[in-house]
């Protein structure tokens, strides 16, 4: 996740369907898929907070999505050489949703 704040010089200048389906988008989705999946597993197995244990999917989606939006805002406002991108937020959120699907597939279906 640290690499999301490192400067990069190979940022695309235009938006197209191919950029939406680029390696970068799949990397974002993959990272956030794993993040959300592991958060759901962790929240459901912990015993400190009953709220998190009873609603692990809801809180994992909320926290991981807010984390993705925060990273993009930090890139936009604070990191020189990077820029926040709406397509990255979409890829992050898609990855979170995919993590939920994987969790449901593995643990509940």
PDB file of N, CA and C in Angstrom:
ATOM      1  N   UNK A   1       0.816  -1.187   0.000  1.00  0.00           N
ATOM      2  CA  UNK A   1       0.000   0.000   0.000  1.00  0.00           C
ATOM      3  C   UNK A   1       0.868   1.264   0.000  1.00  0.00           C
ATOM      4  N   UNK A   2       2.080   1.133   0.488  1.00  0.00           N
ATOM      5  CA  UNK A   2       2.988   2.272   0.480  1.00  0.00           C
ATOM      6  C   UNK A   2       3.272   2.746  -0.936  1.00  0.00           C
ATOM      7  N   UNK A   3       3.296   1.840  -1.889  1.00  0.00           N
ATOM      8  CA  UNK A   3       3.602   2.219  -3.272  1.00  0.00           C
ATOM      9  C   UNK A   3       2.552   3.141  -3.866  1.00  0.00           C
ATOM     10  N   UNK A   4       1.372   3.223  -3.256  1.00  0.00           N
ATOM     11  CA  UNK A   4       0.341   4.114  -3.784  1.00  0.00           C
ATOM     12  C   UNK A   4       0.696   5.580  -3.590  1.00  0.00           C
ATOM     13  N   UNK A   5       1.674   5.875  -2.737  1.00  0.00           N
ATOM     14  CA  UNK A   5       2.073   7.264  -2.508  1.00  0.00           C
ATOM     15  C   UNK A   5       3.441   7.612  -3.077  1.00  0.00           C
ATOM     16  N   UNK A   6       4.104   6.671  -3.741  1.00  0.00           N
ATOM     17  CA  UNK A   6       5.400   6.955  -4.352  1.00  0.00           C
ATOM     18  C   UNK A   6       5.219   7.706  -5.663  1.00  0.00           C
ATOM     19  N   UNK A   7       6.115   8.641  -5.984  1.00  0.00           N
ATOM     20  CA  UNK A   7       6.002   9.387  -7.236  1.00  0.00           C
ATOM     21  C   UNK A   7       6.135   8.477  -8.457  1.00  0.00           C
ATOM     22  N   UNK A   8       5.437   8.859  -9.513  1.00  0.00           N
ATOM     23  CA  UNK A   8       5.498   8.094 -10.753  1.00  0.00           C
ATOM     24  C   UNK A   8       5.509   9.058 -11.923  1.00  0.00           C
ATOM     25  N   UNK A   9       6.246   8.712 -12.972  1.00  0.00           N
ATOM     26  CA  UNK A   9       6.306   9.574 -14.153  1.00  0.00           C
ATOM     27  C   UNK A   9       5.516   9.007 -15.312  1.00  0.00           C
ATOM     28  N   UNK A  10       4.952   7.827 -15.177  1.00  0.00           N
ATOM     29  CA  UNK A  10       4.246   7.196 -16.296  1.00  0.00           C
ATOM     30  C   UNK A  10       2.734   7.235 -16.108  1.00  0.00           C
ATOM     31  N   UNK A  11       2.203   8.403 -15.829  1.00  0.00           N
ATOM     32  CA  UNK A  11       0.766   8.550 -15.666  1.00  0.00           C
ATOM     33  C   UNK A  11       0.127   8.869 -17.016  1.00  0.00           C
ATOM     34  N   UNK A  12      -1.016   8.254 -17.325  1.00  0.00           N
ATOM     35  CA  UNK A  12      -1.680   8.521 -18.594  1.00  0.00           C
ATOM     36  C   UNK A  12      -2.276   9.924 -18.640  1.00  0.00           C
ATOM     37  N   UNK A  13      -2.302  10.503 -19.837  1.00  0.00           N
ATOM     38  CA  UNK A  13      -2.818  11.855 -20.001  1.00  0.00           C
ATOM     39  C   UNK A  13      -4.298  11.872 -20.358  1.00  0.00           C
ATOM     40  N   UNK A  14      -4.816  10.828 -20.977  1.00  0.00           N
ATOM     41  CA  UNK A  14      -6.217  10.807 -21.380  1.00  0.00           C
ATOM     42  C   UNK A  14      -6.915   9.603 -20.767  1.00  0.00           C
ATOM     43  N   UNK A  15      -8.232   9.644 -20.777  1.00  0.00           N
ATOM     44  CA  UNK A  15      -9.029   8.558 -20.220  1.00  0.00           C
ATOM     45  C   UNK A  15      -9.695   7.786 -21.348  1.00  0.00           C
ATOM     46  N   UNK A  16      -9.551   6.486 -21.340  1.00  0.00           N
ATOM     47  CA  UNK A  16     -10.206   5.653 -22.336  1.00  0.00           C
ATOM     48  C   UNK A  16     -10.586   4.329 -21.702  1.00  0.00           C
ATOM     49  N   UNK A  17     -11.328   3.523 -22.446  1.00  0.00           N
ATOM     50  CA  UNK A  17     -11.727   2.209 -21.947  1.00  0.00           C
ATOM     51  C   UNK A  17     -10.512   1.335 -21.685  1.00  0.00           C
ATOM     52  N   UNK A  18      -9.489   1.458 -22.519  1.00  0.00           N
ATOM     53  CA  UNK A  18      -8.290   0.636 -22.340  1.00  0.00           C
ATOM     54  C   UNK A  18      -7.557   0.991 -21.062  1.00  0.00           C
ATOM     55  N   UNK A  19      -7.594   2.270 -20.675  1.00  0.00           N
ATOM     56  CA  UNK A  19      -6.968   2.660 -19.415  1.00  0.00           C
ATOM     57  C   UNK A  19      -7.760   2.132 -18.229  1.00  0.00           C
ATOM     58  N   UNK A  20      -9.083   2.070 -18.386  1.00  0.00           N
ATOM     59  CA  UNK A  20      -9.916   1.511 -17.332  1.00  0.00           C
ATOM     60  C   UNK A  20      -9.576   0.043 -17.115  1.00  0.00           C
ATOM     61  N   UNK A  21      -9.225  -0.658 -18.181  1.00  0.00           N
ATOM     62  CA  UNK A  21      -8.892  -2.076 -18.105  1.00  0.00           C
ATOM     63  C   UNK A  21      -7.384  -2.322 -18.098  1.00  0.00           C
ATOM     64  N   UNK A  22      -6.622  -1.332 -17.690  1.00  0.00           N
ATOM     65  CA  UNK A  22      -5.165  -1.441 -17.720  1.00  0.00           C
ATOM     66  C   UNK A  22      -4.641  -2.277 -16.553  1.00  0.00           C
ATOM     67  N   UNK A  23      -3.358  -2.577 -16.613  1.00  0.00           N
ATOM     68  CA  UNK A  23      -2.702  -3.315 -15.535  1.00  0.00           C
ATOM     69  C   UNK A  23      -2.842  -2.576 -14.209  1.00  0.00           C
ATOM     70  N   UNK A  24      -2.739  -1.252 -14.255  1.00  0.00           N
ATOM     71  CA  UNK A  24      -2.855  -0.432 -13.052  1.00  0.00           C
ATOM     72  C   UNK A  24      -4.207  -0.643 -12.375  1.00  0.00           C
ATOM     73  N   UNK A  25      -5.265  -0.669 -13.170  1.00  0.00           N
ATOM     74  CA  UNK A  25      -6.603  -0.875 -12.609  1.00  0.00           C
ATOM     75  C   UNK A  25      -6.738  -2.258 -11.994  1.00  0.00           C
ATOM     76  N   UNK A  26      -6.184  -3.265 -12.661  1.00  0.00           N
ATOM     77  CA  UNK A  26      -6.232  -4.620 -12.104  1.00  0.00           C
ATOM     78  C   UNK A  26      -5.387  -4.719 -10.834  1.00  0.00           C
ATOM     79  N   UNK A  27      -4.280  -3.995 -10.795  1.00  0.00           N
ATOM     80  CA  UNK A  27      -3.447  -3.995  -9.588  1.00  0.00           C
ATOM     81  C   UNK A  27      -4.197  -3.358  -8.418  1.00  0.00           C
ATOM     82  N   UNK A  28      -4.861  -2.227  -8.682  1.00  0.00           N
ATOM     83  CA  UNK A  28      -5.671  -1.583  -7.643  1.00  0.00           C
ATOM     84  C   UNK A  28      -6.765  -2.525  -7.162  1.00  0.00           C
ATOM     85  N   UNK A  29      -7.491  -3.104  -8.096  1.00  0.00           N
ATOM     86  CA  UNK A  29      -8.587  -4.008  -7.733  1.00  0.00           C
ATOM     87  C   UNK A  29      -8.066  -5.211  -6.954  1.00  0.00           C
ATOM     88  N   UNK A  30      -6.937  -5.750  -7.367  1.00  0.00           N
ATOM     89  CA  UNK A  30      -6.367  -6.904  -6.673  1.00  0.00           C
ATOM     90  C   UNK A  30      -5.958  -6.586  -5.244  1.00  0.00           C
ATOM     91  N   UNK A  31      -5.292  -5.441  -5.054  1.00  0.00           N
ATOM     92  CA  UNK A  31      -4.874  -5.052  -3.703  1.00  0.00           C
ATOM     93  C   UNK A  31      -6.078  -4.858  -2.786  1.00  0.00           C
ATOM     94  N   UNK A  32      -7.102  -4.187  -3.295  1.00  0.00           N
ATOM     95  CA  UNK A  32      -8.257  -3.907  -2.455  1.00  0.00           C
ATOM     96  C   UNK A  32      -9.160  -5.122  -2.287  1.00  0.00           C
ATOM     97  N   UNK A  33      -9.119  -6.048  -3.217  1.00  0.00           N
ATOM     98  CA  UNK A  33      -9.821  -7.323  -3.063  1.00  0.00           C
ATOM     99  C   UNK A  33      -9.234  -8.082  -1.873  1.00  0.00           C
ATOM    100  N   UNK A  34      -7.921  -8.174  -1.839  1.00  0.00           N
ATOM    101  CA  UNK A  34      -7.241  -8.867  -0.737  1.00  0.00           C
ATOM    102  C   UNK A  34      -7.476  -8.128   0.579  1.00  0.00           C
ATOM    103  N   UNK A  35      -7.369  -6.800   0.553  1.00  0.00           N
ATOM    104  CA  UNK A  35      -7.579  -6.003   1.760  1.00  0.00           C
ATOM    105  C   UNK A  35      -8.964  -6.247   2.344  1.00  0.00           C
ATOM    106  N   UNK A  36      -9.990  -6.124   1.523  1.00  0.00           N
ATOM    107  CA  UNK A  36     -11.364  -6.272   2.003  1.00  0.00           C
ATOM    108  C   UNK A  36     -11.627  -7.705   2.465  1.00  0.00           C
ATOM    109  N   UNK A  37     -11.155  -8.684   1.717  1.00  0.00           N
ATOM    110  CA  UNK A  37     -11.334 -10.089   2.092  1.00  0.00           C
ATOM    111  C   UNK A  37     -10.715 -10.365   3.462  1.00  0.00           C
ATOM    112  N   UNK A  38      -9.475  -9.928   3.660  1.00  0.00           N
ATOM    113  CA  UNK A  38      -8.799 -10.173   4.931  1.00  0.00           C
ATOM    114  C   UNK A  38      -9.441  -9.406   6.081  1.00  0.00           C
ATOM    115  N   UNK A  39      -9.955  -8.219   5.807  1.00  0.00           N
ATOM    116  CA  UNK A  39     -10.661  -7.476   6.847  1.00  0.00           C
ATOM    117  C   UNK A  39     -11.930  -8.209   7.269  1.00  0.00           C
ATOM    118  N   UNK A  40     -12.674  -8.739   6.314  1.00  0.00           N
ATOM    119  CA  UNK A  40     -13.894  -9.477   6.646  1.00  0.00           C
ATOM    120  C   UNK A  40     -13.554 -10.694   7.507  1.00  0.00           C
ATOM    121  N   UNK A  41     -12.542 -11.440   7.097  1.00  0.00           N
ATOM    122  CA  UNK A  41     -12.128 -12.624   7.864  1.00  0.00           C
ATOM    123  C   UNK A  41     -11.700 -12.211   9.272  1.00  0.00           C
ATOM    124  N   UNK A  42     -10.894 -11.175   9.363  1.00  0.00           N
ATOM    125  CA  UNK A  42     -10.422 -10.719  10.670  1.00  0.00           C
ATOM    126  C   UNK A  42     -11.543 -10.214  11.555  1.00  0.00           C
ATOM    127  N   UNK A  43     -12.437  -9.393  10.998  1.00  0.00           N
ATOM    128  CA  UNK A  43     -13.552  -8.865  11.781  1.00  0.00           C
ATOM    129  C   UNK A  43     -14.478  -9.977  12.262  1.00  0.00           C
ATOM    130  N   UNK A  44     -14.706 -10.972  11.424  1.00  0.00           N
ATOM    131  CA  UNK A  44     -15.631 -12.041  11.808  1.00  0.00           C
ATOM    132  C   UNK A  44     -15.029 -12.980  12.851  1.00  0.00           C
ATOM    133  N   UNK A  45     -13.707 -13.040  12.952  1.00  0.00           N
ATOM    134  CA  UNK A  45     -13.057 -13.951  13.905  1.00  0.00           C
ATOM    135  C   UNK A  45     -12.626 -13.277  15.207  1.00  0.00           C
ATOM    136  N   UNK A  46     -12.685 -11.956  15.279  1.00  0.00           N
ATOM    137  CA  UNK A  46     -12.255 -11.279  16.495  1.00  0.00           C
ATOM    138  C   UNK A  46     -13.409 -11.229  17.500  1.00  0.00           C
ATOM    139  N   UNK A  47     -13.070 -11.044  18.776  1.00  0.00           N
ATOM    140  CA  UNK A  47     -14.081 -11.050  19.834  1.00  0.00           C
ATOM    141  C   UNK A  47     -14.116  -9.755  20.632  1.00  0.00           C
ATOM    142  N   UNK A  48     -13.363  -8.761  20.236  1.00  0.00           N
ATOM    143  CA  UNK A  48     -13.316  -7.505  20.971  1.00  0.00           C
ATOM    144  C   UNK A  48     -14.548  -6.647  20.712  1.00  0.00           C
ATOM    145  N   UNK A  49     -14.965  -6.542  19.468  1.00  0.00           N
ATOM    146  CA  UNK A  49     -16.101  -5.701  19.089  1.00  0.00           C
ATOM    147  C   UNK A  49     -17.198  -6.559  18.469  1.00  0.00           C
ATOM    148  N   UNK A  50     -18.327  -6.629  19.165  1.00  0.00           N
ATOM    149  CA  UNK A  50     -19.449  -7.405  18.628  1.00  0.00           C
ATOM    150  C   UNK A  50     -20.038  -6.754  17.383  1.00  0.00           C
ATOM    151  N   UNK A  51     -19.945  -5.431  17.289  1.00  0.00           N
ATOM    152  CA  UNK A  51     -20.449  -4.737  16.101  1.00  0.00           C
ATOM    153  C   UNK A  51     -19.687  -5.180  14.860  1.00  0.00           C
ATOM    154  N   UNK A  52     -18.368  -5.226  14.956  1.00  0.00           N
ATOM    155  CA  UNK A  52     -17.563  -5.677  13.818  1.00  0.00           C
ATOM    156  C   UNK A  52     -17.787  -7.155  13.531  1.00  0.00           C
ATOM    157  N   UNK A  53     -17.959  -7.950  14.576  1.00  0.00           N
ATOM    158  CA  UNK A  53     -18.142  -9.387  14.392  1.00  0.00           C
ATOM    159  C   UNK A  53     -19.483  -9.697  13.731  1.00  0.00           C
ATOM    160  N   UNK A  54     -20.510  -8.939  14.049  1.00  0.00           N
ATOM    161  CA  UNK A  54     -21.842  -9.191  13.488  1.00  0.00           C
ATOM    162  C   UNK A  54     -22.020  -8.610  12.090  1.00  0.00           C
ATOM    163  N   UNK A  55     -21.268  -7.580  11.755  1.00  0.00           N
ATOM    164  CA  UNK A  55     -21.388  -6.914  10.448  1.00  0.00           C
ATOM    165  C   UNK A  55     -20.030  -6.766   9.770  1.00  0.00           C
ATOM    166  N   UNK A  56     -19.292  -7.841   9.581  1.00  0.00           N
ATOM    167  CA  UNK A  56     -17.934  -7.688   9.038  1.00  0.00           C
ATOM    168  C   UNK A  56     -17.908  -7.201   7.597  1.00  0.00           C
ATOM    169  N   UNK A  57     -18.884  -7.610   6.796  1.00  0.00           N
ATOM    170  CA  UNK A  57     -18.900  -7.203   5.384  1.00  0.00           C
ATOM    171  C   UNK A  57     -19.154  -5.707   5.266  1.00  0.00           C
ATOM    172  N   UNK A  58     -20.132  -5.221   5.989  1.00  0.00           N
ATOM    173  CA  UNK A  58     -20.487  -3.799   5.925  1.00  0.00           C
ATOM    174  C   UNK A  58     -19.307  -2.918   6.340  1.00  0.00           C
ATOM    175  N   UNK A  59     -18.690  -3.243   7.467  1.00  0.00           N
ATOM    176  CA  UNK A  59     -17.599  -2.407   7.960  1.00  0.00           C
ATOM    177  C   UNK A  59     -16.330  -2.557   7.129  1.00  0.00           C
ATOM    178  N   UNK A  60     -16.079  -3.726   6.616  1.00  0.00           N
ATOM    179  CA  UNK A  60     -14.910  -3.912   5.748  1.00  0.00           C
ATOM    180  C   UNK A  60     -15.058  -3.109   4.464  1.00  0.00           C
ATOM    181  N   UNK A  61     -16.247  -3.149   3.871  1.00  0.00           N
ATOM    182  CA  UNK A  61     -16.497  -2.368   2.657  1.00  0.00           C
ATOM    183  C   UNK A  61     -16.354  -0.880   2.940  1.00  0.00           C
ATOM    184  N   UNK A  62     -16.923  -0.421   4.039  1.00  0.00           N
ATOM    185  CA  UNK A  62     -16.850   0.994   4.385  1.00  0.00           C
ATOM    186  C   UNK A  62     -15.405   1.440   4.625  1.00  0.00           C
ATOM    187  N   UNK A  63     -14.679   0.700   5.441  1.00  0.00           N
ATOM    188  CA  UNK A  63     -13.314   1.092   5.794  1.00  0.00           C
ATOM    189  C   UNK A  63     -12.378   1.012   4.592  1.00  0.00           C
ATOM    190  N   UNK A  64     -12.457  -0.071   3.839  1.00  0.00           N
ATOM    191  CA  UNK A  64     -11.533  -0.212   2.708  1.00  0.00           C
ATOM    192  C   UNK A  64     -11.852   0.783   1.591  1.00  0.00           C
ATOM    193  N   UNK A  65     -13.125   1.084   1.371  1.00  0.00           N
ATOM    194  CA  UNK A  65     -13.487   2.086   0.362  1.00  0.00           C
ATOM    195  C   UNK A  65     -13.017   3.474   0.791  1.00  0.00           C
ATOM    196  N   UNK A  66     -13.240   3.817   2.055  1.00  0.00           N
ATOM    197  CA  UNK A  66     -12.756   5.111   2.552  1.00  0.00           C
ATOM    198  C   UNK A  66     -11.233   5.198   2.500  1.00  0.00           C
ATOM    199  N   UNK A  67     -10.562   4.089   2.754  1.00  0.00           N
ATOM    200  CA  UNK A  67      -9.104   4.059   2.649  1.00  0.00           C
ATOM    201  C   UNK A  67      -8.671   4.344   1.208  1.00  0.00           C
ATOM    202  N   UNK A  68      -9.336   3.718   0.239  1.00  0.00           N
ATOM    203  CA  UNK A  68      -9.010   3.943  -1.168  1.00  0.00           C
ATOM    204  C   UNK A  68      -9.238   5.386  -1.593  1.00  0.00           C
ATOM    205  N   UNK A  69     -10.344   5.966  -1.150  1.00  0.00           N
ATOM    206  CA  UNK A  69     -10.636   7.365  -1.473  1.00  0.00           C
ATOM    207  C   UNK A  69      -9.600   8.277  -0.815  1.00  0.00           C
ATOM    208  N   UNK A  70      -9.236   7.977   0.428  1.00  0.00           N
ATOM    209  CA  UNK A  70      -8.234   8.778   1.134  1.00  0.00           C
ATOM    210  C   UNK A  70      -6.881   8.737   0.426  1.00  0.00           C
ATOM    211  N   UNK A  71      -6.476   7.562  -0.023  1.00  0.00           N
ATOM    212  CA  UNK A  71      -5.209   7.437  -0.756  1.00  0.00           C
ATOM    213  C   UNK A  71      -5.239   8.304  -2.015  1.00  0.00           C
ATOM    214  N   UNK A  72      -6.334   8.259  -2.752  1.00  0.00           N
ATOM    215  CA  UNK A  72      -6.426   9.061  -3.979  1.00  0.00           C
ATOM    216  C   UNK A  72      -6.428  10.554  -3.669  1.00  0.00           C
ATOM    217  N   UNK A  73      -7.087  10.963  -2.593  1.00  0.00           N
ATOM    218  CA  UNK A  73      -7.068  12.375  -2.204  1.00  0.00           C
ATOM    219  C   UNK A  73      -5.666  12.812  -1.777  1.00  0.00           C
ATOM    220  N   UNK A  74      -4.965  11.949  -1.056  1.00  0.00           N
ATOM    221  CA  UNK A  74      -3.580  12.266  -0.688  1.00  0.00           C
ATOM    222  C   UNK A  74      -2.701  12.400  -1.923  1.00  0.00           C
ATOM    223  N   UNK A  75      -2.892  11.522  -2.889  1.00  0.00           N
ATOM    224  CA  UNK A  75      -2.120  11.618  -4.129  1.00  0.00           C
ATOM    225  C   UNK A  75      -2.438  12.913  -4.859  1.00  0.00           C
ATOM    226  N   UNK A  76      -3.685  13.319  -4.849  1.00  0.00           N
ATOM    227  CA  UNK A  76      -4.098  14.518  -5.572  1.00  0.00           C
ATOM    228  C   UNK A  76      -3.555  15.786  -4.906  1.00  0.00           C
ATOM    229  N   UNK A  77      -3.639  15.853  -3.576  1.00  0.00           N
ATOM    230  CA  UNK A  77      -3.308  17.093  -2.883  1.00  0.00           C
ATOM    231  C   UNK A  77      -1.891  17.162  -2.320  1.00  0.00           C
ATOM    232  N   UNK A  78      -1.277  16.040  -1.962  1.00  0.00           N
ATOM    233  CA  UNK A  78      -0.031  16.104  -1.205  1.00  0.00           C
ATOM    234  C   UNK A  78       1.202  15.539  -1.885  1.00  0.00           C
ATOM    235  N   UNK A  79       1.063  14.602  -2.781  1.00  0.00           N
ATOM    236  CA  UNK A  79       2.226  13.901  -3.315  1.00  0.00           C
ATOM    237  C   UNK A  79       2.636  14.505  -4.651  1.00  0.00           C
ATOM    238  N   UNK A  80       3.878  14.988  -4.706  1.00  0.00           N
ATOM    239  CA  UNK A  80       4.402  15.552  -5.943  1.00  0.00           C
ATOM    240  C   UNK A  80       4.693  14.420  -6.924  1.00  0.00           C
ATOM    241  N   UNK A  81       4.278  14.590  -8.160  1.00  0.00           N
ATOM    242  CA  UNK A  81       4.529  13.585  -9.184  1.00  0.00           C
ATOM    243  C   UNK A  81       3.437  12.538  -9.291  1.00  0.00           C
ATOM    244  N   UNK A  82       2.399  12.626  -8.487  1.00  0.00           N
ATOM    245  CA  UNK A  82       1.264  11.695  -8.559  1.00  0.00           C
ATOM    246  C   UNK A  82      -0.004  12.521  -8.681  1.00  0.00           C
ATOM    247  N   UNK A  83      -1.060  11.900  -9.136  1.00  0.00           N
ATOM    248  CA  UNK A  83      -2.347  12.579  -9.152  1.00  0.00           C
ATOM    249  C   UNK A  83      -3.435  11.580  -8.803  1.00  0.00           C
ATOM    250  N   UNK A  84      -4.439  12.062  -8.089  1.00  0.00           N
ATOM    251  CA  UNK A  84      -5.573  11.217  -7.756  1.00  0.00           C
ATOM    252  C   UNK A  84      -6.411  10.981  -8.995  1.00  0.00           C
ATOM    253  N   UNK A  85      -7.027   9.828  -9.074  1.00  0.00           N
ATOM    254  CA  UNK A  85      -7.764   9.464 -10.272  1.00  0.00           C
ATOM    255  C   UNK A  85      -9.079   8.798  -9.891  1.00  0.00           C
ATOM    256  N   UNK A  86     -10.156   9.242 -10.503  1.00  0.00           N
ATOM    257  CA  UNK A  86     -11.473   8.656 -10.249  1.00  0.00           C
ATOM    258  C   UNK A  86     -11.499   7.196 -10.693  1.00  0.00           C
ATOM    259  N   UNK A  87     -10.803   6.875 -11.770  1.00  0.00           N
ATOM    260  CA  UNK A  87     -10.763   5.484 -12.232  1.00  0.00           C
ATOM    261  C   UNK A  87     -10.088   4.573 -11.210  1.00  0.00           C
ATOM    262  N   UNK A  88      -9.126   5.110 -10.469  1.00  0.00           N
ATOM    263  CA  UNK A  88      -8.500   4.318  -9.411  1.00  0.00           C
ATOM    264  C   UNK A  88      -9.482   4.062  -8.271  1.00  0.00           C
ATOM    265  N   UNK A  89     -10.293   5.062  -7.948  1.00  0.00           N
ATOM    266  CA  UNK A  89     -11.318   4.874  -6.913  1.00  0.00           C
ATOM    267  C   UNK A  89     -12.313   3.807  -7.355  1.00  0.00           C
ATOM    268  N   UNK A  90     -12.695   3.836  -8.631  1.00  0.00           N
ATOM    269  CA  UNK A  90     -13.608   2.818  -9.161  1.00  0.00           C
ATOM    270  C   UNK A  90     -12.961   1.439  -9.093  1.00  0.00           C
ATOM    271  N   UNK A  91     -11.691   1.346  -9.456  1.00  0.00           N
ATOM    272  CA  UNK A  91     -10.981   0.063  -9.392  1.00  0.00           C
ATOM    273  C   UNK A  91     -10.847  -0.413  -7.949  1.00  0.00           C
ATOM    274  N   UNK A  92     -10.552   0.507  -7.032  1.00  0.00           N
ATOM    275  CA  UNK A  92     -10.449   0.138  -5.619  1.00  0.00           C
ATOM    276  C   UNK A  92     -11.774  -0.412  -5.097  1.00  0.00           C
ATOM    277  N   UNK A  93     -12.853   0.291  -5.392  1.00  0.00           N
ATOM    278  CA  UNK A  93     -14.173  -0.138  -4.930  1.00  0.00           C
ATOM    279  C   UNK A  93     -14.579  -1.450  -5.578  1.00  0.00           C
ATOM    280  N   UNK A  94     -14.264  -1.615  -6.850  1.00  0.00           N
ATOM    281  CA  UNK A  94     -14.553  -2.889  -7.526  1.00  0.00           C
ATOM    282  C   UNK A  94     -13.791  -4.031  -6.871  1.00  0.00           C
ATOM    283  N   UNK A  95     -12.556  -3.781  -6.500  1.00  0.00           N
ATOM    284  CA  UNK A  95     -11.773  -4.792  -5.800  1.00  0.00           C
ATOM    285  C   UNK A  95     -12.378  -5.144  -4.455  1.00  0.00           C
ATOM    286  N   UNK A  96     -12.880  -4.138  -3.741  1.00  0.00           N
ATOM    287  CA  UNK A  96     -13.549  -4.398  -2.459  1.00  0.00           C
ATOM    288  C   UNK A  96     -14.769  -5.285  -2.661  1.00  0.00           C
ATOM    289  N   UNK A  97     -15.562  -4.979  -3.669  1.00  0.00           N
ATOM    290  CA  UNK A  97     -16.752  -5.788  -3.949  1.00  0.00           C
ATOM    291  C   UNK A  97     -16.370  -7.206  -4.351  1.00  0.00           C
ATOM    292  N   UNK A  98     -15.295  -7.338  -5.097  1.00  0.00           N
ATOM    293  CA  UNK A  98     -14.812  -8.667  -5.477  1.00  0.00           C
ATOM    294  C   UNK A  98     -14.330  -9.443  -4.251  1.00  0.00           C
ATOM    295  N   UNK A  99     -13.711  -8.756  -3.310  1.00  0.00           N
ATOM    296  CA  UNK A  99     -13.297  -9.390  -2.061  1.00  0.00           C
ATOM    297  C   UNK A  99     -14.485  -9.921  -1.277  1.00  0.00           C
ATOM    298  N   UNK A 100     -15.594  -9.182  -1.299  1.00  0.00           N
ATOM    299  CA  UNK A 100     -16.822  -9.638  -0.637  1.00  0.00           C
ATOM    300  C   UNK A 100     -17.359 -10.884  -1.331  1.00  0.00           C
ATOM    301  N   UNK A 101     -17.356 -10.868  -2.662  1.00  0.00           N
ATOM    302  CA  UNK A 101     -17.824 -12.037  -3.420  1.00  0.00           C
ATOM    303  C   UNK A 101     -16.971 -13.261  -3.093  1.00  0.00           C
ATOM    304  N   UNK A 102     -15.654 -13.090  -3.055  1.00  0.00           N
ATOM    305  CA  UNK A 102     -14.769 -14.211  -2.716  1.00  0.00           C
ATOM    306  C   UNK A 102     -15.050 -14.732  -1.309  1.00  0.00           C
ATOM    307  N   UNK A 103     -15.243 -13.817  -0.377  1.00  0.00           N
ATOM    308  CA  UNK A 103     -15.537 -14.241   0.991  1.00  0.00           C
ATOM    309  C   UNK A 103     -16.829 -15.051   1.036  1.00  0.00           C
ATOM    310  N   UNK A 104     -17.874 -14.526   0.417  1.00  0.00           N
ATOM    311  CA  UNK A 104     -19.163 -15.241   0.408  1.00  0.00           C
ATOM    312  C   UNK A 104     -19.015 -16.594  -0.275  1.00  0.00           C
ATOM    313  N   UNK A 105     -18.255 -16.635  -1.346  1.00  0.00           N
ATOM    314  CA  UNK A 105     -18.073 -17.884  -2.090  1.00  0.00           C
ATOM    315  C   UNK A 105     -17.330 -18.925  -1.254  1.00  0.00           C
ATOM    316  N   UNK A 106     -16.290 -18.487  -0.556  1.00  0.00           N
ATOM    317  CA  UNK A 106     -15.470 -19.424   0.214  1.00  0.00           C
ATOM    318  C   UNK A 106     -16.130 -19.822   1.533  1.00  0.00           C
ATOM    319  N   UNK A 107     -16.718 -18.872   2.250  1.00  0.00           N
ATOM    320  CA  UNK A 107     -17.185 -19.143   3.604  1.00  0.00           C
ATOM    321  C   UNK A 107     -18.688 -19.386   3.738  1.00  0.00           C
ATOM    322  N   UNK A 108     -19.491 -18.884   2.828  1.00  0.00           N
ATOM    323  CA  UNK A 108     -20.931 -18.963   3.057  1.00  0.00           C
ATOM    324  C   UNK A 108     -21.702 -19.779   2.031  1.00  0.00           C
ATOM    325  N   UNK A 109     -21.177 -19.966   0.835  1.00  0.00           N
ATOM    326  CA  UNK A 109     -21.969 -20.683  -0.173  1.00  0.00           C
ATOM    327  C   UNK A 109     -21.626 -22.126  -0.193  1.00  0.00           C
TER     328      UNK A 109
END
